C-alpha atoms as a PDB file:
ATOM      1  CA  UNK A   1       4.514  -0.049  19.192  1.00  0.00           C
ATOM      2  CA  UNK A   2       3.826   3.439  17.860  1.00  0.00           C
ATOM      3  CA  UNK A   3       6.551   5.065  19.960  1.00  0.00           C
ATOM      4  CA  UNK A   4       9.026   2.331  19.085  1.00  0.00           C
ATOM      5  CA  UNK A   5       8.378   2.605  15.354  1.00  0.00           C
ATOM      6  CA  UNK A   6       8.839   6.385  15.516  1.00  0.00           C
ATOM      7  CA  UNK A   7      12.195   5.879  17.231  1.00  0.00           C
ATOM      8  CA  UNK A   8      13.302   3.583  14.426  1.00  0.00           C
ATOM      9  CA  UNK A   9      13.153   6.397  11.835  1.00  0.00           C
ATOM     10  CA  UNK A  10      16.158   8.414  13.131  1.00  0.00           C
ATOM     11  CA  UNK A  11      17.975   5.165  13.838  1.00  0.00           C
ATOM     12  CA  UNK A  12      17.543   4.185  10.217  1.00  0.00           C
ATOM     13  CA  UNK A  13      19.068   7.451   9.054  1.00  0.00           C
ATOM     14  CA  UNK A  14      22.254   6.478  10.841  1.00  0.00           C
ATOM     15  CA  UNK A  15      22.185   2.995   9.386  1.00  0.00           C
ATOM     16  CA  UNK A  16      21.822   4.273   5.844  1.00  0.00           C
ATOM     17  CA  UNK A  17      24.477   6.930   6.050  1.00  0.00           C
ATOM     18  CA  UNK A  18      26.991   4.619   7.886  1.00  0.00           C
ATOM     19  CA  UNK A  19      15.513   1.248   4.584  1.00  0.00           C
ATOM     20  CA  UNK A  20      -8.910 -10.213  -1.872  1.00  0.00           C
ATOM     21  CA  UNK A  21      -9.688 -13.796  -3.154  1.00  0.00           C
ATOM     22  CA  UNK A  22     -11.478 -14.676   0.084  1.00  0.00           C
ATOM     23  CA  UNK A  23     -13.961 -11.853  -0.478  1.00  0.00           C
ATOM     24  CA  UNK A  24     -17.354 -12.962  -1.663  1.00  0.00           C
ATOM     25  CA  UNK A  25     -18.585 -11.799  -5.049  1.00  0.00           C
ATOM     26  CA  UNK A  26     -20.969  -9.453  -3.313  1.00  0.00           C
ATOM     27  CA  UNK A  27     -18.076  -7.809  -1.477  1.00  0.00           C
ATOM     28  CA  UNK A  28     -15.442  -7.600  -4.189  1.00  0.00           C
ATOM     29  CA  UNK A  29     -16.774  -8.180  -7.659  1.00  0.00           C
ATOM     30  CA  UNK A  30     -14.935  -7.796 -10.968  1.00  0.00           C
ATOM     31  CA  UNK A  31     -17.801  -5.541 -11.972  1.00  0.00           C
ATOM     32  CA  UNK A  32     -17.981  -1.858 -10.966  1.00  0.00           C
ATOM     33  CA  UNK A  33     -20.096  -1.109  -7.902  1.00  0.00           C
ATOM     34  CA  UNK A  34     -20.550   2.614  -8.240  1.00  0.00           C
ATOM     35  CA  UNK A  35     -23.164   4.567  -6.336  1.00  0.00           C
ATOM     36  CA  UNK A  36     -23.637   7.672  -8.498  1.00  0.00           C
ATOM     37  CA  UNK A  37     -25.645   9.572  -5.940  1.00  0.00           C
ATOM     38  CA  UNK A  38     -22.731   9.411  -3.517  1.00  0.00           C
ATOM     39  CA  UNK A  39     -19.818   9.472  -5.934  1.00  0.00           C
ATOM     40  CA  UNK A  40     -17.719  12.594  -5.432  1.00  0.00           C
ATOM     41  CA  UNK A  41     -15.902  14.481  -8.138  1.00  0.00           C
ATOM     42  CA  UNK A  42     -12.271  13.376  -8.086  1.00  0.00           C
ATOM     43  CA  UNK A  43      -9.561  15.402  -9.754  1.00  0.00           C
ATOM     44  CA  UNK A  44      -6.761  13.284 -11.197  1.00  0.00           C
ATOM     45  CA  UNK A  45      -3.286  14.556 -12.034  1.00  0.00           C
ATOM     46  CA  UNK A  46      -2.206  14.218 -15.643  1.00  0.00           C
ATOM     47  CA  UNK A  47       0.760  12.006 -16.606  1.00  0.00           C
ATOM     48  CA  UNK A  48       2.691  15.203 -17.302  1.00  0.00           C
ATOM     49  CA  UNK A  49       1.959  16.552 -13.815  1.00  0.00           C
ATOM     50  CA  UNK A  50       3.013  13.271 -12.223  1.00  0.00           C
ATOM     51  CA  UNK A  51       6.480  13.450 -13.779  1.00  0.00           C
ATOM     52  CA  UNK A  52       7.584  15.921 -11.107  1.00  0.00           C
ATOM     53  CA  UNK A  53       7.139  13.339  -8.335  1.00  0.00           C
ATOM     54  CA  UNK A  54       9.110  10.324  -7.148  1.00  0.00           C
ATOM     55  CA  UNK A  55       7.487   6.884  -7.134  1.00  0.00           C
ATOM     56  CA  UNK A  56       7.395   4.045  -4.622  1.00  0.00           C
ATOM     57  CA  UNK A  57       5.750   0.638  -4.890  1.00  0.00           C
ATOM     58  CA  UNK A  58       4.211  -1.503  -2.162  1.00  0.00           C
ATOM     59  CA  UNK A  59       1.916  -4.522  -1.811  1.00  0.00           C
ATOM     60  CA  UNK A  60       0.137  -5.249   1.464  1.00  0.00           C
ATOM     61  CA  UNK A  61      -3.198  -6.868   0.759  1.00  0.00           C
ATOM     62  CA  UNK A  62      -6.242  -5.604  -1.103  1.00  0.00           C
ATOM     63  CA  UNK A  63      -5.316  -2.471  -3.027  1.00  0.00           C
ATOM     64  CA  UNK A  64      -8.608  -0.837  -2.063  1.00  0.00           C
ATOM     65  CA  UNK A  65      -7.290  -0.747   1.517  1.00  0.00           C
ATOM     66  CA  UNK A  66      -3.737   0.256   0.675  1.00  0.00           C
ATOM     67  CA  UNK A  67      -4.754   3.022  -1.724  1.00  0.00           C
ATOM     68  CA  UNK A  68      -6.903   4.898   0.801  1.00  0.00           C
ATOM     69  CA  UNK A  69      -4.110   4.843   3.394  1.00  0.00           C
ATOM     70  CA  UNK A  70      -1.392   6.262   1.163  1.00  0.00           C
ATOM     71  CA  UNK A  71      -3.750   8.776  -0.481  1.00  0.00           C
ATOM     72  CA  UNK A  72      -4.229  10.442   2.896  1.00  0.00           C
ATOM     73  CA  UNK A  73      -0.518  10.674   3.735  1.00  0.00           C
ATOM     74  CA  UNK A  74       1.042  14.131   3.499  1.00  0.00           C
ATOM     75  CA  UNK A  75       3.381  14.586   0.563  1.00  0.00           C
ATOM     76  CA  UNK A  76       1.609  11.937  -1.512  1.00  0.00           C
ATOM     77  CA  UNK A  77       0.209  13.411  -4.720  1.00  0.00           C
ATOM     78  CA  UNK A  78      -1.389  10.340  -6.272  1.00  0.00           C
ATOM     79  CA  UNK A  79      -1.848   6.623  -5.685  1.00  0.00           C
ATOM     80  CA  UNK A  80      -2.609   4.131  -8.438  1.00  0.00           C
ATOM     81  CA  UNK A  81      -3.958   0.647  -7.757  1.00  0.00           C
ATOM     82  CA  UNK A  82      -2.506  -2.121  -9.872  1.00  0.00           C
ATOM     83  CA  UNK A  83      -0.506  -5.303 -10.142  1.00  0.00           C
ATOM     84  CA  UNK A  84       3.210  -5.990  -9.768  1.00  0.00           C
ATOM     85  CA  UNK A  85       5.759  -8.565  -8.713  1.00  0.00           C
ATOM     86  CA  UNK A  86       4.809 -11.247 -11.225  1.00  0.00           C
ATOM     87  CA  UNK A  87       5.871 -12.516 -14.624  1.00  0.00           C
ATOM     88  CA  UNK A  88       2.674 -12.310 -16.670  1.00  0.00           C
ATOM     89  CA  UNK A  89       2.124  -9.369 -19.014  1.00  0.00           C
ATOM     90  CA  UNK A  90      -0.990  -7.204 -18.815  1.00  0.00           C
ATOM     91  CA  UNK A  91      -2.727  -9.087 -15.995  1.00  0.00           C
ATOM     92  CA  UNK A  92      -6.411  -8.503 -15.309  1.00  0.00           C
ATOM     93  CA  UNK A  93      -8.188  -8.179 -11.991  1.00  0.00           C
ATOM     94  CA  UNK A  94      -9.987 -11.470 -12.481  1.00  0.00           C
ATOM     95  CA  UNK A  95      -6.706 -13.278 -13.134  1.00  0.00           C
ATOM     96  CA  UNK A  96      -4.865 -11.739 -10.186  1.00  0.00           C
ATOM     97  CA  UNK A  97      -7.680 -11.876  -7.632  1.00  0.00           C
ATOM     98  CA  UNK A  98      -8.263 -15.571  -8.293  1.00  0.00           C
ATOM     99  CA  UNK A  99      -4.569 -16.383  -7.978  1.00  0.00           C
ATOM    100  CA  UNK A 100      -4.056 -17.196 -11.644  1.00  0.00           C
ATOM    101  CA  UNK A 101      -0.890 -15.087 -11.917  1.00  0.00           C
ATOM    102  CA  UNK A 102       2.267 -14.528  -9.881  1.00  0.00           C
ATOM    103  CA  UNK A 103       1.424 -10.848  -9.375  1.00  0.00           C
ATOM    104  CA  UNK A 104       0.333  -9.165  -6.148  1.00  0.00           C
ATOM    105  CA  UNK A 105      -2.232  -6.420  -5.787  1.00  0.00           C
ATOM    106  CA  UNK A 106      -0.020  -3.355  -5.366  1.00  0.00           C
ATOM    107  CA  UNK A 107       0.011   0.432  -5.379  1.00  0.00           C
ATOM    108  CA  UNK A 108       2.122   3.007  -7.176  1.00  0.00           C
ATOM    109  CA  UNK A 109       2.720   5.981  -4.885  1.00  0.00           C
ATOM    110  CA  UNK A 110       3.654   9.377  -6.344  1.00  0.00           C
ATOM    111  CA  UNK A 111       5.229  11.519  -3.637  1.00  0.00           C
ATOM    112  CA  UNK A 112       7.125  14.739  -3.043  1.00  0.00           C
ATOM    113  CA  UNK A 113      10.443  13.862  -1.325  1.00  0.00           C
ATOM    114  CA  UNK A 114      10.664  17.422   0.013  1.00  0.00           C
ATOM    115  CA  UNK A 115       7.588  16.676   2.138  1.00  0.00           C
ATOM    116  CA  UNK A 116       7.868  12.968   2.871  1.00  0.00           C
ATOM    117  CA  UNK A 117      10.860  10.683   2.463  1.00  0.00           C
ATOM    118  CA  UNK A 118      11.047   7.138   1.162  1.00  0.00           C
ATOM    119  CA  UNK A 119      12.013   6.034   4.674  1.00  0.00           C
ATOM    120  CA  UNK A 120       8.796   7.524   6.036  1.00  0.00           C
ATOM    121  CA  UNK A 121       6.776   5.806   3.313  1.00  0.00           C
ATOM    122  CA  UNK A 122       8.357   2.528   4.398  1.00  0.00           C
ATOM    123  CA  UNK A 123       7.182   3.272   7.926  1.00  0.00           C
ATOM    124  CA  UNK A 124       3.676   3.929   6.599  1.00  0.00           C
ATOM    125  CA  UNK A 125       3.827   0.618   4.745  1.00  0.00           C
ATOM    126  CA  UNK A 126       4.825  -1.432   7.776  1.00  0.00           C
ATOM    127  CA  UNK A 127       2.635   0.564  10.145  1.00  0.00           C
ATOM    128  CA  UNK A 128      -0.516  -0.017   8.118  1.00  0.00           C
ATOM    129  CA  UNK A 129      -0.534  -3.813   7.773  1.00  0.00           C
ATOM    130  CA  UNK A 130       0.634  -7.017   9.432  1.00  0.00           C
ATOM    131  CA  UNK A 131       3.938  -8.014   7.785  1.00  0.00           C
ATOM    132  CA  UNK A 132       4.044 -11.333   9.668  1.00  0.00           C
ATOM    133  CA  UNK A 133       1.156 -13.049   7.881  1.00  0.00           C
ATOM    134  CA  UNK A 134       2.278 -15.118   4.896  1.00  0.00           C
ATOM    135  CA  UNK A 135       0.126 -14.716   1.782  1.00  0.00           C
ATOM    136  CA  UNK A 136      -2.660 -13.131   3.771  1.00  0.00           C
ATOM    137  CA  UNK A 137      -3.880  -9.767   4.954  1.00  0.00           C
ATOM    138  CA  UNK A 138      -7.013  -9.599   7.064  1.00  0.00           C
ATOM    139  CA  UNK A 139      -9.736 -11.701   5.411  1.00  0.00           C
ATOM    140  CA  UNK A 140      -7.863 -11.906   2.109  1.00  0.00           C
ATOM    141  CA  UNK A 141      -5.870 -15.084   1.479  1.00  0.00           C
ATOM    142  CA  UNK A 142      -3.509 -16.053  -1.308  1.00  0.00           C
ATOM    143  CA  UNK A 143      -0.109 -14.965  -2.657  1.00  0.00           C
ATOM    144  CA  UNK A 144      -1.809 -12.122  -4.524  1.00  0.00           C
ATOM    145  CA  UNK A 145      -2.250 -10.482  -1.093  1.00  0.00           C
ATOM    146  CA  UNK A 146       1.316 -11.003   0.116  1.00  0.00           C
ATOM    147  CA  UNK A 147       3.406  -8.353   1.847  1.00  0.00           C
ATOM    148  CA  UNK A 148       5.969  -7.000  -0.598  1.00  0.00           C
ATOM    149  CA  UNK A 149       8.187  -3.902  -0.689  1.00  0.00           C
ATOM    150  CA  UNK A 150       9.829  -2.969  -3.971  1.00  0.00           C
ATOM    151  CA  UNK A 151      13.077  -1.041  -4.378  1.00  0.00           C
ATOM    152  CA  UNK A 152      14.380   0.849  -7.420  1.00  0.00           C
ATOM    153  CA  UNK A 153      17.977   1.273  -6.274  1.00  0.00           C
ATOM    154  CA  UNK A 154      20.444   0.109  -3.621  1.00  0.00           C
ATOM    155  CA  UNK A 155      19.599   2.995  -1.300  1.00  0.00           C
ATOM    156  CA  UNK A 156      15.924   2.044  -1.184  1.00  0.00           C
ATOM    157  CA  UNK A 157      16.862  -1.602  -0.662  1.00  0.00           C
ATOM    158  CA  UNK A 158      19.060  -0.686   2.308  1.00  0.00           C
ATOM    159  CA  UNK A 159      16.295   1.456   3.799  1.00  0.00           C
ATOM    160  CA  UNK A 160      13.751  -1.364   3.620  1.00  0.00           C
ATOM    161  CA  UNK A 161      16.138  -4.018   4.925  1.00  0.00           C
ATOM    162  CA  UNK A 162      17.394  -1.783   7.729  1.00  0.00           C
ATOM    163  CA  UNK A 163      13.836  -1.027   8.804  1.00  0.00           C
ATOM    164  CA  UNK A 164      12.959  -4.713   8.877  1.00  0.00           C
ATOM    165  CA  UNK A 165      16.094  -5.410  10.919  1.00  0.00           C
ATOM    166  CA  UNK A 166      15.230  -2.634  13.365  1.00  0.00           C
ATOM    167  CA  UNK A 167      11.687  -3.970  13.785  1.00  0.00           C
ATOM    168  CA  UNK A 168      13.100  -7.444  14.354  1.00  0.00           C
ATOM    169  CA  UNK A 169      15.813  -6.349  16.790  1.00  0.00           C
ATOM    170  CA  UNK A 170      13.275  -4.432  18.853  1.00  0.00           C
ATOM    171  CA  UNK A 171      10.778  -7.312  18.807  1.00  0.00           C
ATOM    172  CA  UNK A 172       7.949  -5.126  17.546  1.00  0.00           C
ATOM    173  CA  UNK A 173       6.131  -8.242  16.340  1.00  0.00           C
ATOM    174  CA  UNK A 174       5.646 -11.616  17.999  1.00  0.00           C
ATOM    175  CA  UNK A 175       6.260 -13.475  14.739  1.00  0.00           C
ATOM    176  CA  UNK A 176       8.943 -13.174  12.039  1.00  0.00           C
ATOM    177  CA  UNK A 177       8.425 -10.583   9.312  1.00  0.00           C
ATOM    178  CA  UNK A 178       7.686 -12.305   5.993  1.00  0.00           C
ATOM    179  CA  UNK A 179       7.678  -9.223   3.751  1.00  0.00           C
ATOM    180  CA  UNK A 180       9.344  -9.846   0.408  1.00  0.00           C
ATOM    181  CA  UNK A 181      11.968  -7.263  -0.604  1.00  0.00           C
ATOM    182  CA  UNK A 182      12.493  -7.345  -4.351  1.00  0.00           C
ATOM    183  CA  UNK A 183      13.667  -5.056  -7.151  1.00  0.00           C
ATOM    184  CA  UNK A 184      10.917  -3.188  -8.955  1.00  0.00           C
ATOM    185  CA  UNK A 185      10.441  -4.240 -12.564  1.00  0.00           C
ATOM    186  CA  UNK A 186       7.040  -3.220 -13.898  1.00  0.00           C
ATOM    187  CA  UNK A 187       3.677  -1.996 -12.644  1.00  0.00           C
ATOM    188  CA  UNK A 188       0.379  -2.580 -14.431  1.00  0.00           C
ATOM    189  CA  UNK A 189      -2.481  -0.205 -13.684  1.00  0.00           C
ATOM    190  CA  UNK A 190      -5.641  -1.899 -12.476  1.00  0.00           C
ATOM    191  CA  UNK A 191      -8.898  -1.333 -14.306  1.00  0.00           C
ATOM    192  CA  UNK A 192     -10.352   2.171 -14.048  1.00  0.00           C
ATOM    193  CA  UNK A 193     -13.169   1.183 -11.695  1.00  0.00           C
ATOM    194  CA  UNK A 194     -10.619   0.113  -9.061  1.00  0.00           C
ATOM    195  CA  UNK A 195      -9.039   3.574  -8.878  1.00  0.00           C
ATOM    196  CA  UNK A 196     -10.117   5.693  -5.861  1.00  0.00           C
ATOM    197  CA  UNK A 197     -12.476   2.850  -5.037  1.00  0.00           C
ATOM    198  CA  UNK A 198     -13.121   3.808  -1.424  1.00  0.00           C
ATOM    199  CA  UNK A 199     -14.038   7.381  -2.326  1.00  0.00           C
ATOM    200  CA  UNK A 200     -16.319   6.274  -5.160  1.00  0.00           C
ATOM    201  CA  UNK A 201     -17.931   3.393  -3.280  1.00  0.00           C
ATOM    202  CA  UNK A 202     -18.153   4.353   0.412  1.00  0.00           C
ATOM    203  CA  UNK A 203     -21.108   2.035   1.036  1.00  0.00           C
ATOM    204  CA  UNK A 204     -19.517  -1.090  -0.395  1.00  0.00           C
ATOM    205  CA  UNK A 205     -19.618  -3.785   2.356  1.00  0.00           C
ATOM    206  CA  UNK A 206     -15.915  -4.576   2.059  1.00  0.00           C
ATOM    207  CA  UNK A 207     -15.018  -0.885   2.222  1.00  0.00           C
ATOM    208  CA  UNK A 208     -17.140  -0.367   5.345  1.00  0.00           C
ATOM    209  CA  UNK A 209     -16.072  -3.529   7.139  1.00  0.00           C
ATOM    210  CA  UNK A 210     -12.419  -3.941   6.138  1.00  0.00           C
ATOM    211  CA  UNK A 211     -10.888  -0.936   4.360  1.00  0.00           C
ATOM    212  CA  UNK A 212     -12.173   1.820   6.646  1.00  0.00           C
ATOM    213  CA  UNK A 213     -11.392   0.010   9.938  1.00  0.00           C
ATOM    214  CA  UNK A 214      -7.860  -0.651   8.664  1.00  0.00           C
ATOM    215  CA  UNK A 215      -7.447   2.994   7.675  1.00  0.00           C
ATOM    216  CA  UNK A 216      -8.807   4.150  11.039  1.00  0.00           C
ATOM    217  CA  UNK A 217      -6.257   2.011  12.884  1.00  0.00           C
ATOM    218  CA  UNK A 218      -3.520   3.652  10.856  1.00  0.00           C
ATOM    219  CA  UNK A 219      -4.906   7.140  11.559  1.00  0.00           C
ATOM    220  CA  UNK A 220      -4.942   6.484  15.281  1.00  0.00           C
ATOM    221  CA  UNK A 221      -1.272   5.508  15.390  1.00  0.00           C
ATOM    222  CA  UNK A 222       0.192   7.822  12.739  1.00  0.00           C
ATOM    223  CA  UNK A 223      -1.864  11.003  12.865  1.00  0.00           C
ATOM    224  CA  UNK A 224       1.226  13.146  12.303  1.00  0.00           C
ATOM    225  CA  UNK A 225       1.602  11.695   8.791  1.00  0.00           C
ATOM    226  CA  UNK A 226      -1.899  12.612   7.656  1.00  0.00           C
ATOM    227  CA  UNK A 227      -2.821  15.432   5.302  1.00  0.00           C
ATOM    228  CA  UNK A 228      -4.759  18.314   6.810  1.00  0.00           C
ATOM    229  CA  UNK A 229      -7.792  17.376   4.722  1.00  0.00           C
ATOM    230  CA  UNK A 230      -7.540  13.637   5.405  1.00  0.00           C
ATOM    231  CA  UNK A 231     -10.956  12.098   5.943  1.00  0.00           C
END
């Protein structure tokens, strides 16, 4: 599948110019689970610094998993965990994770288009989760964990739809792709303790047993997209 998905990228260029409730409380609690003795110092970019970058928005399961994948992709300057795709204003983690809103756990990706393109980010998105599982990703079940790609303009919409069509035409998956493709409207940042969660909580059971194995599968298949200092 790796070779096939790589082939789809140049094919898409032609097309465009002519793309967590099931966790137990012990695993994913609304309360912070910091381990100060192992928490590293993390430098965050200021809102002013982030203005120089483009943004992309994706949902593909627990944002702890999705954040660590995109944070290690070259050209990505920052990733914010949050909520998007629903109607409710100012949702909280407790509301979203228990399926009490129409939002999905999502990420806001700040990236440098001179280093990585939106098309390549779409490949990262599809290459790092199973887009054929409806309202589920790994052990996490519910519409809050659905597969969803957001677009901000017609070009991004065409890129996403063309990539899905290419995956379908080449029978990359055994089942139909159920990823929702919708216009981006608003993104709500998740609570502070969810940001950089994997780096701050490396010994959390969910991180060890779900997030890291998922990230490692991505690394194995898409090593060329990783930053030099990717862990």
